[in-house]
Amino acid sequence: RRSAQGILFTPEALLPKLFGELKDRYALRAGGYTRVLRTEPKDKYSQA
C-alpha cells in the first residue's frame, strides 16, 4: 500500500479502487493486466 501510494498522484481517490475492484478482477490472472493497441497518430503534425 505504501509503495502504491508513492506511485499514484491521487492515492486517496484511487487506492480503494486499486486494492478493491482491480485486485479482485485480477486475482486469478498471473500477469498481463494491461494491453497496448497501436492506433493512427494522434497528431497530424508530429506523426508520432
All heavy atoms as atom14 arrays in JSON, in Angstrom:
{
  "sequence": "RRSAQGILFTPEALLPKLFGELKDRYALRAGGYTRVLRTEPKDKYSQA",
  "atom14_mask": [
    [1, 1, 1, 1, 1, 1, 1, 1, 1, 1, 1, 0, 0, 0],
    [1, 1, 1, 1, 1, 1, 1, 1, 1, 1, 1, 0, 0, 0],
    [1, 1, 1, 1, 1, 1, 0, 0, 0, 0, 0, 0, 0, 0],
    [1, 1, 1, 1, 1, 0, 0, 0, 0, 0, 0, 0, 0, 0],
    [1, 1, 1, 1, 1, 1, 1, 1, 1, 0, 0, 0, 0, 0],
    [1, 1, 1, 1, 0, 0, 0, 0, 0, 0, 0, 0, 0, 0],
    [1, 1, 1, 1, 1, 1, 1, 1, 0, 0, 0, 0, 0, 0],
    [1, 1, 1, 1, 1, 1, 1, 1, 0, 0, 0, 0, 0, 0],
    [1, 1, 1, 1, 1, 1, 1, 1, 1, 1, 1, 0, 0, 0],
    [1, 1, 1, 1, 1, 1, 1, 0, 0, 0, 0, 0, 0, 0],
    [1, 1, 1, 1, 1, 1, 1, 0, 0, 0, 0, 0, 0, 0],
    [1, 1, 1, 1, 1, 1, 1, 1, 1, 0, 0, 0, 0, 0],
    [1, 1, 1, 1, 1, 0, 0, 0, 0, 0, 0, 0, 0, 0],
    [1, 1, 1, 1, 1, 1, 1, 1, 0, 0, 0, 0, 0, 0],
    [1, 1, 1, 1, 1, 1, 1, 1, 0, 0, 0, 0, 0, 0],
    [1, 1, 1, 1, 1, 1, 1, 0, 0, 0, 0, 0, 0, 0],
    [1, 1, 1, 1, 1, 1, 1, 1, 1, 0, 0, 0, 0, 0],
    [1, 1, 1, 1, 1, 1, 1, 1, 0, 0, 0, 0, 0, 0],
    [1, 1, 1, 1, 1, 1, 1, 1, 1, 1, 1, 0, 0, 0],
    [1, 1, 1, 1, 0, 0, 0, 0, 0, 0, 0, 0, 0, 0],
    [1, 1, 1, 1, 1, 1, 1, 1, 1, 0, 0, 0, 0, 0],
    [1, 1, 1, 1, 1, 1, 1, 1, 0, 0, 0, 0, 0, 0],
    [1, 1, 1, 1, 1, 1, 1, 1, 1, 0, 0, 0, 0, 0],
    [1, 1, 1, 1, 1, 1, 1, 1, 0, 0, 0, 0, 0, 0],
    [1, 1, 1, 1, 1, 1, 1, 1, 1, 1, 1, 0, 0, 0],
    [1, 1, 1, 1, 1, 1, 1, 1, 1, 1, 1, 1, 0, 0],
    [1, 1, 1, 1, 1, 0, 0, 0, 0, 0, 0, 0, 0, 0],
    [1, 1, 1, 1, 1, 1, 1, 1, 0, 0, 0, 0, 0, 0],
    [1, 1, 1, 1, 1, 1, 1, 1, 1, 1, 1, 0, 0, 0],
    [1, 1, 1, 1, 1, 0, 0, 0, 0, 0, 0, 0, 0, 0],
    [1, 1, 1, 1, 0, 0, 0, 0, 0, 0, 0, 0, 0, 0],
    [1, 1, 1, 1, 0, 0, 0, 0, 0, 0, 0, 0, 0, 0],
    [1, 1, 1, 1, 1, 1, 1, 1, 1, 1, 1, 1, 0, 0],
    [1, 1, 1, 1, 1, 1, 1, 0, 0, 0, 0, 0, 0, 0],
    [1, 1, 1, 1, 1, 1, 1, 1, 1, 1, 1, 0, 0, 0],
    [1, 1, 1, 1, 1, 1, 1, 0, 0, 0, 0, 0, 0, 0],
    [1, 1, 1, 1, 1, 1, 1, 1, 0, 0, 0, 0, 0, 0],
    [1, 1, 1, 1, 1, 1, 1, 1, 1, 1, 1, 0, 0, 0],
    [1, 1, 1, 1, 1, 1, 1, 0, 0, 0, 0, 0, 0, 0],
    [1, 1, 1, 1, 1, 1, 1, 1, 1, 0, 0, 0, 0, 0],
    [1, 1, 1, 1, 1, 1, 1, 0, 0, 0, 0, 0, 0, 0],
    [1, 1, 1, 1, 1, 1, 1, 1, 1, 0, 0, 0, 0, 0],
    [1, 1, 1, 1, 1, 1, 1, 1, 0, 0, 0, 0, 0, 0],
    [1, 1, 1, 1, 1, 1, 1, 1, 1, 0, 0, 0, 0, 0],
    [1, 1, 1, 1, 1, 1, 1, 1, 1, 1, 1, 1, 0, 0],
    [1, 1, 1, 1, 1, 1, 0, 0, 0, 0, 0, 0, 0, 0],
    [1, 1, 1, 1, 1, 1, 1, 1, 1, 0, 0, 0, 0, 0],
    [1, 1, 1, 1, 1, 0, 0, 0, 0, 0, 0, 0, 0, 0]
  ],
  "atom14_positions": [
    [[0.83, -1.21, 0.0], [0.0, 0.0, 0.0], [0.86, 1.25, 0.0], [0.56, 2.21, -0.7], [-0.94, 0.02, 1.21], [-2.1, -0.92, 1.05], [-3.06, -0.8, 2.24], [-4.18, -1.67, 2.06], [-5.29, -1.35, 1.4], [-5.41, -0.16, 0.88], [-6.27, -2.22, 1.28], [0.0, 0.0, 0.0], [0.0, 0.0, 0.0], [0.0, 0.0, 0.0]],
    [[1.93, 1.26, 0.77], [2.81, 2.44, 0.81], [3.54, 2.63, -0.51], [3.72, 3.75, -0.97], [3.79, 2.32, 1.96], [3.12, 2.52, 3.29], [4.11, 2.45, 4.41], [3.37, 2.44, 5.67], [3.84, 2.88, 6.79], [5.06, 3.36, 6.85], [3.12, 2.84, 7.88], [0.0, 0.0, 0.0], [0.0, 0.0, 0.0], [0.0, 0.0, 0.0]],
    [[3.96, 1.54, -1.13], [4.61, 1.64, -2.44], [3.65, 2.17, -3.49], [4.0, 3.02, -4.31], [5.15, 0.29, -2.87], [6.15, -0.15, -1.98], [0.0, 0.0, 0.0], [0.0, 0.0, 0.0], [0.0, 0.0, 0.0], [0.0, 0.0, 0.0], [0.0, 0.0, 0.0], [0.0, 0.0, 0.0], [0.0, 0.0, 0.0], [0.0, 0.0, 0.0]],
    [[2.42, 1.67, -3.48], [1.42, 2.13, -4.43], [1.07, 3.59, -4.18], [0.85, 4.36, -5.11], [0.16, 1.27, -4.33], [0.0, 0.0, 0.0], [0.0, 0.0, 0.0], [0.0, 0.0, 0.0], [0.0, 0.0, 0.0], [0.0, 0.0, 0.0], [0.0, 0.0, 0.0], [0.0, 0.0, 0.0], [0.0, 0.0, 0.0], [0.0, 0.0, 0.0]],
    [[1.04, 3.98, -2.92], [0.75, 5.37, -2.57], [1.83, 6.3, -3.1], [1.56, 7.43, -3.48], [0.64, 5.5, -1.05], [0.05, 6.78, -0.56], [-0.21, 6.73, 0.93], [0.17, 5.77, 1.62], [-0.85, 7.75, 1.44], [0.0, 0.0, 0.0], [0.0, 0.0, 0.0], [0.0, 0.0, 0.0], [0.0, 0.0, 0.0], [0.0, 0.0, 0.0]],
    [[3.06, 5.82, -3.17], [4.16, 6.6, -3.71], [4.13, 6.74, -5.22], [4.73, 7.66, -5.77], [0.0, 0.0, 0.0], [0.0, 0.0, 0.0], [0.0, 0.0, 0.0], [0.0, 0.0, 0.0], [0.0, 0.0, 0.0], [0.0, 0.0, 0.0], [0.0, 0.0, 0.0], [0.0, 0.0, 0.0], [0.0, 0.0, 0.0], [0.0, 0.0, 0.0]],
    [[3.43, 5.86, -5.9], [3.36, 5.9, -7.36], [2.2, 6.78, -7.82], [2.35, 7.6, -8.72], [3.22, 4.48, -7.94], [4.51, 3.69, -7.69], [2.92, 4.53, -9.43], [4.43, 2.23, -8.06], [0.0, 0.0, 0.0], [0.0, 0.0, 0.0], [0.0, 0.0, 0.0], [0.0, 0.0, 0.0], [0.0, 0.0, 0.0], [0.0, 0.0, 0.0]],
    [[1.03, 6.64, -7.21], [-0.16, 7.36, -7.66], [-0.12, 8.82, -7.23], [0.29, 9.14, -6.12], [-1.41, 6.69, -7.1], [-1.67, 5.27, -7.57], [-2.81, 4.66, -6.79], [-1.96, 5.23, -9.05], [0.0, 0.0, 0.0], [0.0, 0.0, 0.0], [0.0, 0.0, 0.0], [0.0, 0.0, 0.0], [0.0, 0.0, 0.0], [0.0, 0.0, 0.0]],
    [[-0.59, 9.71, -8.12], [-0.65, 11.14, -7.78], [-1.83, 11.45, -6.86], [-1.77, 12.37, -6.07], [-0.74, 11.99, -9.04], [0.59, 12.33, -9.63], [0.86, 12.05, -10.95], [1.58, 12.94, -8.87], [2.1, 12.36, -11.5], [2.81, 13.25, -9.41], [3.07, 12.96, -10.73], [0.0, 0.0, 0.0], [0.0, 0.0, 0.0], [0.0, 0.0, 0.0]],
    [[-2.93, 10.72, -6.97], [-4.09, 10.92, -6.11], [-4.42, 9.62, -5.39], [-5.42, 8.97, -5.68], [-5.3, 11.4, -6.94], [-5.52, 10.45, -7.99], [-5.09, 12.77, -7.51], [0.0, 0.0, 0.0], [0.0, 0.0, 0.0], [0.0, 0.0, 0.0], [0.0, 0.0, 0.0], [0.0, 0.0, 0.0], [0.0, 0.0, 0.0], [0.0, 0.0, 0.0]],
    [[-3.59, 9.23, -4.43], [-3.79, 7.92, -3.8], [-5.09, 7.83, -2.99], [-5.7, 6.77, -2.94], [-2.56, 7.76, -2.9], [-2.05, 9.12, -2.69], [-2.41, 9.9, -3.89], [0.0, 0.0, 0.0], [0.0, 0.0, 0.0], [0.0, 0.0, 0.0], [0.0, 0.0, 0.0], [0.0, 0.0, 0.0], [0.0, 0.0, 0.0], [0.0, 0.0, 0.0]],
    [[-5.51, 8.94, -2.38], [-6.73, 8.88, -1.57], [-7.96, 8.52, -2.41], [-8.87, 7.88, -1.92], [-6.96, 10.21, -0.82], [-7.17, 11.43, -1.71], [-5.89, 12.01, -2.29], [-4.79, 11.66, -1.84], [-6.02, 12.82, -3.22], [0.0, 0.0, 0.0], [0.0, 0.0, 0.0], [0.0, 0.0, 0.0], [0.0, 0.0, 0.0], [0.0, 0.0, 0.0]],
    [[-7.95, 8.9, -3.68], [-9.09, 8.59, -4.55], [-8.96, 7.24, -5.22], [-9.96, 6.58, -5.51], [-9.23, 9.68, -5.63], [0.0, 0.0, 0.0], [0.0, 0.0, 0.0], [0.0, 0.0, 0.0], [0.0, 0.0, 0.0], [0.0, 0.0, 0.0], [0.0, 0.0, 0.0], [0.0, 0.0, 0.0], [0.0, 0.0, 0.0], [0.0, 0.0, 0.0]],
    [[-7.72, 6.79, -5.5], [-7.53, 5.61, -6.33], [-7.11, 4.35, -5.58], [-7.24, 3.25, -6.12], [-6.52, 5.91, -7.44], [-6.97, 6.98, -8.43], [-5.88, 7.26, -9.43], [-8.24, 6.58, -9.12], [0.0, 0.0, 0.0], [0.0, 0.0, 0.0], [0.0, 0.0, 0.0], [0.0, 0.0, 0.0], [0.0, 0.0, 0.0], [0.0, 0.0, 0.0]],
    [[-6.6, 4.48, -4.36], [-6.2, 3.27, -3.63], [-7.38, 2.34, -3.35], [-7.23, 1.12, -3.48], [-5.5, 3.63, -2.32], [-4.01, 3.98, -2.45], [-3.43, 4.33, -1.09], [-3.22, 2.87, -3.09], [0.0, 0.0, 0.0], [0.0, 0.0, 0.0], [0.0, 0.0, 0.0], [0.0, 0.0, 0.0], [0.0, 0.0, 0.0], [0.0, 0.0, 0.0]],
    [[-8.58, 2.86, -2.99], [-9.7, 1.93, -2.81], [-10.05, 1.16, -4.08], [-10.37, -0.04, -4.02], [-10.86, 2.84, -2.39], [-10.21, 4.04, -1.82], [-8.93, 4.22, -2.57], [0.0, 0.0, 0.0], [0.0, 0.0, 0.0], [0.0, 0.0, 0.0], [0.0, 0.0, 0.0], [0.0, 0.0, 0.0], [0.0, 0.0, 0.0], [0.0, 0.0, 0.0]],
    [[-9.96, 1.81, -5.23], [-10.24, 1.11, -6.49], [-9.15, 0.09, -6.79], [-9.43, -1.03, -7.19], [-10.33, 2.12, -7.63], [-10.62, 1.49, -8.97], [-10.77, 2.51, -10.06], [-11.1, 1.85, -11.38], [-11.26, 2.81, -12.47], [0.0, 0.0, 0.0], [0.0, 0.0, 0.0], [0.0, 0.0, 0.0], [0.0, 0.0, 0.0], [0.0, 0.0, 0.0]],
    [[-7.9, 0.49, -6.59], [-6.77, -0.4, -6.88], [-6.77, -1.62, -5.98], [-6.64, -2.75, -6.46], [-5.45, 0.37, -6.73], [-4.18, -0.38, -7.02], [-4.13, -0.8, -8.48], [-2.97, 0.47, -6.68], [0.0, 0.0, 0.0], [0.0, 0.0, 0.0], [0.0, 0.0, 0.0], [0.0, 0.0, 0.0], [0.0, 0.0, 0.0], [0.0, 0.0, 0.0]],
    [[-6.96, -1.42, -4.68], [-6.9, -2.53, -3.73], [-8.26, -3.2, -3.53], [-8.37, -4.13, -2.76], [-6.33, -2.06, -2.39], [-4.85, -1.89, -2.43], [-4.28, -0.69, -2.82], [-4.02, -2.93, -2.09], [-2.9, -0.54, -2.87], [-2.65, -2.8, -2.14], [-2.09, -1.59, -2.54], [0.0, 0.0, 0.0], [0.0, 0.0, 0.0], [0.0, 0.0, 0.0]],
    [[-9.27, -2.74, -4.23], [-10.59, -3.35, -4.16], [-10.97, -4.0, -5.47], [-10.75, -5.19, -5.7], [0.0, 0.0, 0.0], [0.0, 0.0, 0.0], [0.0, 0.0, 0.0], [0.0, 0.0, 0.0], [0.0, 0.0, 0.0], [0.0, 0.0, 0.0], [0.0, 0.0, 0.0], [0.0, 0.0, 0.0], [0.0, 0.0, 0.0], [0.0, 0.0, 0.0]],
    [[-11.52, -3.18, -6.36], [-12.05, -3.66, -7.64], [-10.98, -4.32, -8.52], [-11.17, -5.42, -9.02], [-12.69, -2.48, -8.39], [-13.2, -2.81, -9.75], [-13.65, -1.56, -10.51], [-13.92, -0.53, -9.87], [-13.69, -1.64, -11.75], [0.0, 0.0, 0.0], [0.0, 0.0, 0.0], [0.0, 0.0, 0.0], [0.0, 0.0, 0.0], [0.0, 0.0, 0.0]],
    [[-9.84, -3.64, -8.69], [-8.81, -4.18, -9.59], [-8.13, -5.41, -9.01], [-7.8, -6.35, -9.72], [-7.79, -3.1, -9.94], [-8.34, -1.91, -10.74], [-7.24, -0.9, -11.01], [-8.98, -2.36, -12.02], [0.0, 0.0, 0.0], [0.0, 0.0, 0.0], [0.0, 0.0, 0.0], [0.0, 0.0, 0.0], [0.0, 0.0, 0.0], [0.0, 0.0, 0.0]],
    [[-7.92, -5.41, -7.7], [-7.32, -6.6, -7.06], [-8.21, -7.81, -7.24], [-7.74, -8.9, -7.56], [-7.11, -6.32, -5.57], [-6.47, -7.47, -4.82], [-6.43, -7.22, -3.36], [-7.65, -7.85, -2.77], [-7.71, -7.97, -1.36], [0.0, 0.0, 0.0], [0.0, 0.0, 0.0], [0.0, 0.0, 0.0], [0.0, 0.0, 0.0], [0.0, 0.0, 0.0]],
    [[-9.52, -7.63, -7.09], [-10.46, -8.74, -7.25], [-10.56, -9.18, -8.72], [-10.67, -10.36, -9.01], [-11.85, -8.34, -6.75], [-11.86, -8.1, -5.25], [-10.95, -8.6, -4.56], [-12.78, -7.41, -4.77], [0.0, 0.0, 0.0], [0.0, 0.0, 0.0], [0.0, 0.0, 0.0], [0.0, 0.0, 0.0], [0.0, 0.0, 0.0], [0.0, 0.0, 0.0]],
    [[-10.52, -8.21, -9.64], [-10.63, -8.52, -11.06], [-9.46, -9.38, -11.54], [-9.63, -10.28, -12.35], [-10.66, -7.23, -11.88], [-10.87, -7.48, -13.36], [-10.73, -6.23, -14.21], [-11.6, -5.17, -13.8], [-11.52, -3.93, -14.26], [-10.58, -3.61, -15.15], [-12.34, -3.0, -13.86], [0.0, 0.0, 0.0], [0.0, 0.0, 0.0], [0.0, 0.0, 0.0]],
    [[-8.26, -9.11, -11.01], [-7.07, -9.82, -11.49], [-6.56, -10.87, -10.51], [-5.42, -11.3, -10.6], [-5.97, -8.81, -11.79], [-6.38, -7.82, -12.86], [-6.42, -6.46, -12.61], [-6.75, -8.26, -14.12], [-6.81, -5.57, -13.59], [-7.15, -7.39, -15.1], [-7.18, -6.04, -14.83], [-7.58, -5.16, -15.79], [0.0, 0.0, 0.0], [0.0, 0.0, 0.0]],
    [[-7.4, -11.3, -9.58], [-6.98, -12.27, -8.57], [-6.5, -13.59, -9.19], [-5.52, -14.18, -8.73], [-8.11, -12.53, -7.59], [0.0, 0.0, 0.0], [0.0, 0.0, 0.0], [0.0, 0.0, 0.0], [0.0, 0.0, 0.0], [0.0, 0.0, 0.0], [0.0, 0.0, 0.0], [0.0, 0.0, 0.0], [0.0, 0.0, 0.0], [0.0, 0.0, 0.0]],
    [[-7.15, -14.05, -10.23], [-6.81, -15.33, -10.86], [-5.79, -15.2, -11.98], [-5.29, -16.2, -12.49], [-8.07, -16.0, -11.39], [-9.15, -16.31, -10.37], [-10.38, -16.89, -11.05], [-8.63, -17.25, -9.29], [0.0, 0.0, 0.0], [0.0, 0.0, 0.0], [0.0, 0.0, 0.0], [0.0, 0.0, 0.0], [0.0, 0.0, 0.0], [0.0, 0.0, 0.0]],
    [[-5.5, -13.99, -12.4], [-4.6, -13.75, -13.53], [-3.18, -13.62, -13.03], [-2.9, -12.86, -12.1], [-5.04, -12.47, -14.25], [-4.38, -12.26, -15.57], [-4.92, -10.98, -16.19], [-6.12, -11.2, -16.95], [-6.14, -11.48, -18.24], [-5.02, -11.59, -18.91], [-7.26, -11.64, -18.87], [0.0, 0.0, 0.0], [0.0, 0.0, 0.0], [0.0, 0.0, 0.0]],
    [[-2.26, -14.34, -13.65], [-0.86, -14.34, -13.2], [-0.08, -13.13, -13.69], [0.98, -12.81, -13.18], [-0.17, -15.61, -13.67], [0.0, 0.0, 0.0], [0.0, 0.0, 0.0], [0.0, 0.0, 0.0], [0.0, 0.0, 0.0], [0.0, 0.0, 0.0], [0.0, 0.0, 0.0], [0.0, 0.0, 0.0], [0.0, 0.0, 0.0], [0.0, 0.0, 0.0]],
    [[-0.55, -12.45, -14.67], [0.13, -11.29, -15.24], [-0.61, -10.85, -16.49], [-1.64, -11.42, -16.84], [0.0, 0.0, 0.0], [0.0, 0.0, 0.0], [0.0, 0.0, 0.0], [0.0, 0.0, 0.0], [0.0, 0.0, 0.0], [0.0, 0.0, 0.0], [0.0, 0.0, 0.0], [0.0, 0.0, 0.0], [0.0, 0.0, 0.0], [0.0, 0.0, 0.0]],
    [[-0.11, -9.85, -17.16], [-0.76, -9.38, -18.37], [-2.05, -8.64, -18.08], [-3.09, -8.94, -18.65], [0.0, 0.0, 0.0], [0.0, 0.0, 0.0], [0.0, 0.0, 0.0], [0.0, 0.0, 0.0], [0.0, 0.0, 0.0], [0.0, 0.0, 0.0], [0.0, 0.0, 0.0], [0.0, 0.0, 0.0], [0.0, 0.0, 0.0], [0.0, 0.0, 0.0]],
    [[-1.98, -7.66, -17.17], [-3.18, -6.93, -16.77], [-3.5, -5.79, -17.72], [-4.59, -5.23, -17.66], [-2.97, -6.33, -15.37], [-2.36, -7.29, -14.38], [-1.1, -7.08, -13.85], [-3.05, -8.44, -13.99], [-0.53, -7.95, -12.95], [-2.49, -9.32, -13.09], [-1.23, -9.08, -12.57], [-0.67, -9.95, -11.69], [0.0, 0.0, 0.0], [0.0, 0.0, 0.0]],
    [[-2.56, -5.44, -18.59], [-2.76, -4.32, -19.49], [-2.53, -4.76, -20.93], [-1.91, -5.79, -21.18], [-1.8, -3.16, -19.18], [-0.46, -3.62, -19.26], [-2.06, -2.59, -17.79], [0.0, 0.0, 0.0], [0.0, 0.0, 0.0], [0.0, 0.0, 0.0], [0.0, 0.0, 0.0], [0.0, 0.0, 0.0], [0.0, 0.0, 0.0], [0.0, 0.0, 0.0]],
    [[-3.01, -3.95, -21.86], [-2.85, -4.22, -23.28], [-2.53, -2.91, -23.98], [-3.13, -1.88, -23.67], [-4.14, -4.81, -23.84], [-4.12, -5.09, -25.31], [-5.46, -5.6, -25.82], [-5.86, -6.82, -25.11], [-7.04, -6.98, -24.54], [-7.94, -6.02, -24.57], [-7.34, -8.1, -23.93], [0.0, 0.0, 0.0], [0.0, 0.0, 0.0], [0.0, 0.0, 0.0]],
    [[-1.6, -2.94, -24.92], [-1.26, -1.78, -25.74], [-1.71, -2.06, -27.17], [-1.29, -3.04, -27.77], [0.25, -1.47, -25.7], [0.59, -0.32, -26.62], [0.71, -1.17, -24.28], [0.0, 0.0, 0.0], [0.0, 0.0, 0.0], [0.0, 0.0, 0.0], [0.0, 0.0, 0.0], [0.0, 0.0, 0.0], [0.0, 0.0, 0.0], [0.0, 0.0, 0.0]],
    [[-2.58, -1.2, -27.68], [-3.09, -1.33, -29.05], [-2.59, -0.15, -29.87], [-2.82, 1.0, -29.51], [-4.62, -1.32, -29.05], [-5.3, -2.39, -28.22], [-6.78, -2.06, -28.04], [-5.15, -3.72, -28.89], [0.0, 0.0, 0.0], [0.0, 0.0, 0.0], [0.0, 0.0, 0.0], [0.0, 0.0, 0.0], [0.0, 0.0, 0.0], [0.0, 0.0, 0.0]],
    [[-1.9, -0.43, -30.96], [-1.41, 0.65, -31.83], [-2.6, 1.29, -32.55], [-3.53, 0.61, -32.96], [-0.43, 0.13, -32.85], [0.92, -0.16, -32.28], [1.86, -0.55, -33.42], [3.16, -0.88, -32.92], [4.22, -0.09, -33.03], [4.11, 1.07, -33.62], [5.39, -0.46, -32.55], [0.0, 0.0, 0.0], [0.0, 0.0, 0.0], [0.0, 0.0, 0.0]],
    [[-2.52, 2.61, -32.71], [-3.56, 3.36, -33.41], [-2.93, 4.31, -34.41], [-1.7, 4.41, -34.48], [-4.42, 4.18, -32.42], [-3.58, 5.12, -31.76], [-5.11, 3.29, -31.41], [0.0, 0.0, 0.0], [0.0, 0.0, 0.0], [0.0, 0.0, 0.0], [0.0, 0.0, 0.0], [0.0, 0.0, 0.0], [0.0, 0.0, 0.0], [0.0, 0.0, 0.0]],
    [[-3.76, 5.01, -35.14], [-3.28, 6.05, -36.04], [-2.67, 7.17, -35.2], [-3.06, 7.37, -34.06], [-4.44, 6.62, -36.87], [-4.98, 5.65, -37.9], [-3.98, 5.38, -39.0], [-3.33, 6.32, -39.48], [-3.84, 4.21, -39.38], [0.0, 0.0, 0.0], [0.0, 0.0, 0.0], [0.0, 0.0, 0.0], [0.0, 0.0, 0.0], [0.0, 0.0, 0.0]],
    [[-1.72, 7.91, -35.76], [-1.12, 9.01, -34.99], [-2.16, 10.02, -34.51], [-3.08, 10.37, -35.24], [-0.16, 9.65, -35.99], [0.15, 8.57, -36.96], [-1.09, 7.73, -37.06], [0.0, 0.0, 0.0], [0.0, 0.0, 0.0], [0.0, 0.0, 0.0], [0.0, 0.0, 0.0], [0.0, 0.0, 0.0], [0.0, 0.0, 0.0], [0.0, 0.0, 0.0]],
    [[-2.01, 10.45, -33.24], [-2.93, 11.43, -32.67], [-2.75, 12.79, -33.32], [-3.71, 13.5, -33.59], [-2.65, 11.59, -31.17], [-3.29, 10.58, -30.3], [-2.89, 10.72, -28.85], [-3.13, 12.08, -28.29], [-2.89, 12.17, -26.85], [0.0, 0.0, 0.0], [0.0, 0.0, 0.0], [0.0, 0.0, 0.0], [0.0, 0.0, 0.0], [0.0, 0.0, 0.0]],
    [[-1.5, 13.16, -33.54], [-1.17, 14.5, -34.01], [-0.75, 14.42, -35.47], [0.2, 13.72, -35.81], [-0.03, 15.06, -33.15], [0.3, 16.49, -33.47], [-0.46, 17.13, -34.21], [1.33, 16.98, -32.96], [0.0, 0.0, 0.0], [0.0, 0.0, 0.0], [0.0, 0.0, 0.0], [0.0, 0.0, 0.0], [0.0, 0.0, 0.0], [0.0, 0.0, 0.0]],
    [[-1.44, 15.15, -36.33], [-1.13, 15.07, -37.76], [0.19, 15.75, -38.1], [0.73, 15.55, -39.17], [-2.25, 15.65, -38.59], [-2.47, 17.14, -38.42], [-3.6, 17.61, -39.3], [-3.78, 19.11, -39.15], [-4.86, 19.61, -39.97], [0.0, 0.0, 0.0], [0.0, 0.0, 0.0], [0.0, 0.0, 0.0], [0.0, 0.0, 0.0], [0.0, 0.0, 0.0]],
    [[0.73, 16.55, -37.18], [1.97, 17.26, -37.46], [3.2, 16.44, -37.08], [4.16, 16.37, -37.82], [1.98, 18.61, -36.75], [0.84, 19.48, -37.2], [-0.23, 19.74, -36.36], [0.81, 20.01, -38.48], [-1.28, 20.53, -36.79], [-0.24, 20.78, -38.92], [-1.29, 21.05, -38.07], [-2.33, 21.8, -38.5], [0.0, 0.0, 0.0], [0.0, 0.0, 0.0]],
    [[3.19, 15.82, -35.92], [4.38, 15.08, -35.5], [4.4, 13.65, -36.05], [5.46, 13.06, -36.19], [4.46, 15.03, -33.97], [3.47, 14.17, -33.46], [0.0, 0.0, 0.0], [0.0, 0.0, 0.0], [0.0, 0.0, 0.0], [0.0, 0.0, 0.0], [0.0, 0.0, 0.0], [0.0, 0.0, 0.0], [0.0, 0.0, 0.0], [0.0, 0.0, 0.0]],
    [[3.23, 13.08, -36.29], [3.11, 11.71, -36.8], [3.77, 10.69, -35.87], [4.28, 9.67, -36.33], [3.69, 11.6, -38.22], [2.89, 12.32, -39.27], [1.54, 11.67, -39.49], [1.46, 10.49, -39.76], [0.47, 12.43, -39.36], [0.0, 0.0, 0.0], [0.0, 0.0, 0.0], [0.0, 0.0, 0.0], [0.0, 0.0, 0.0], [0.0, 0.0, 0.0]],
    [[3.79, 10.97, -34.58], [4.34, 10.03, -33.61], [3.43, 8.8, -33.54], [2.2, 8.92, -33.58], [4.43, 10.67, -32.23], [0.0, 0.0, 0.0], [0.0, 0.0, 0.0], [0.0, 0.0, 0.0], [0.0, 0.0, 0.0], [0.0, 0.0, 0.0], [0.0, 0.0, 0.0], [0.0, 0.0, 0.0], [0.0, 0.0, 0.0], [0.0, 0.0, 0.0]]
  ]
}
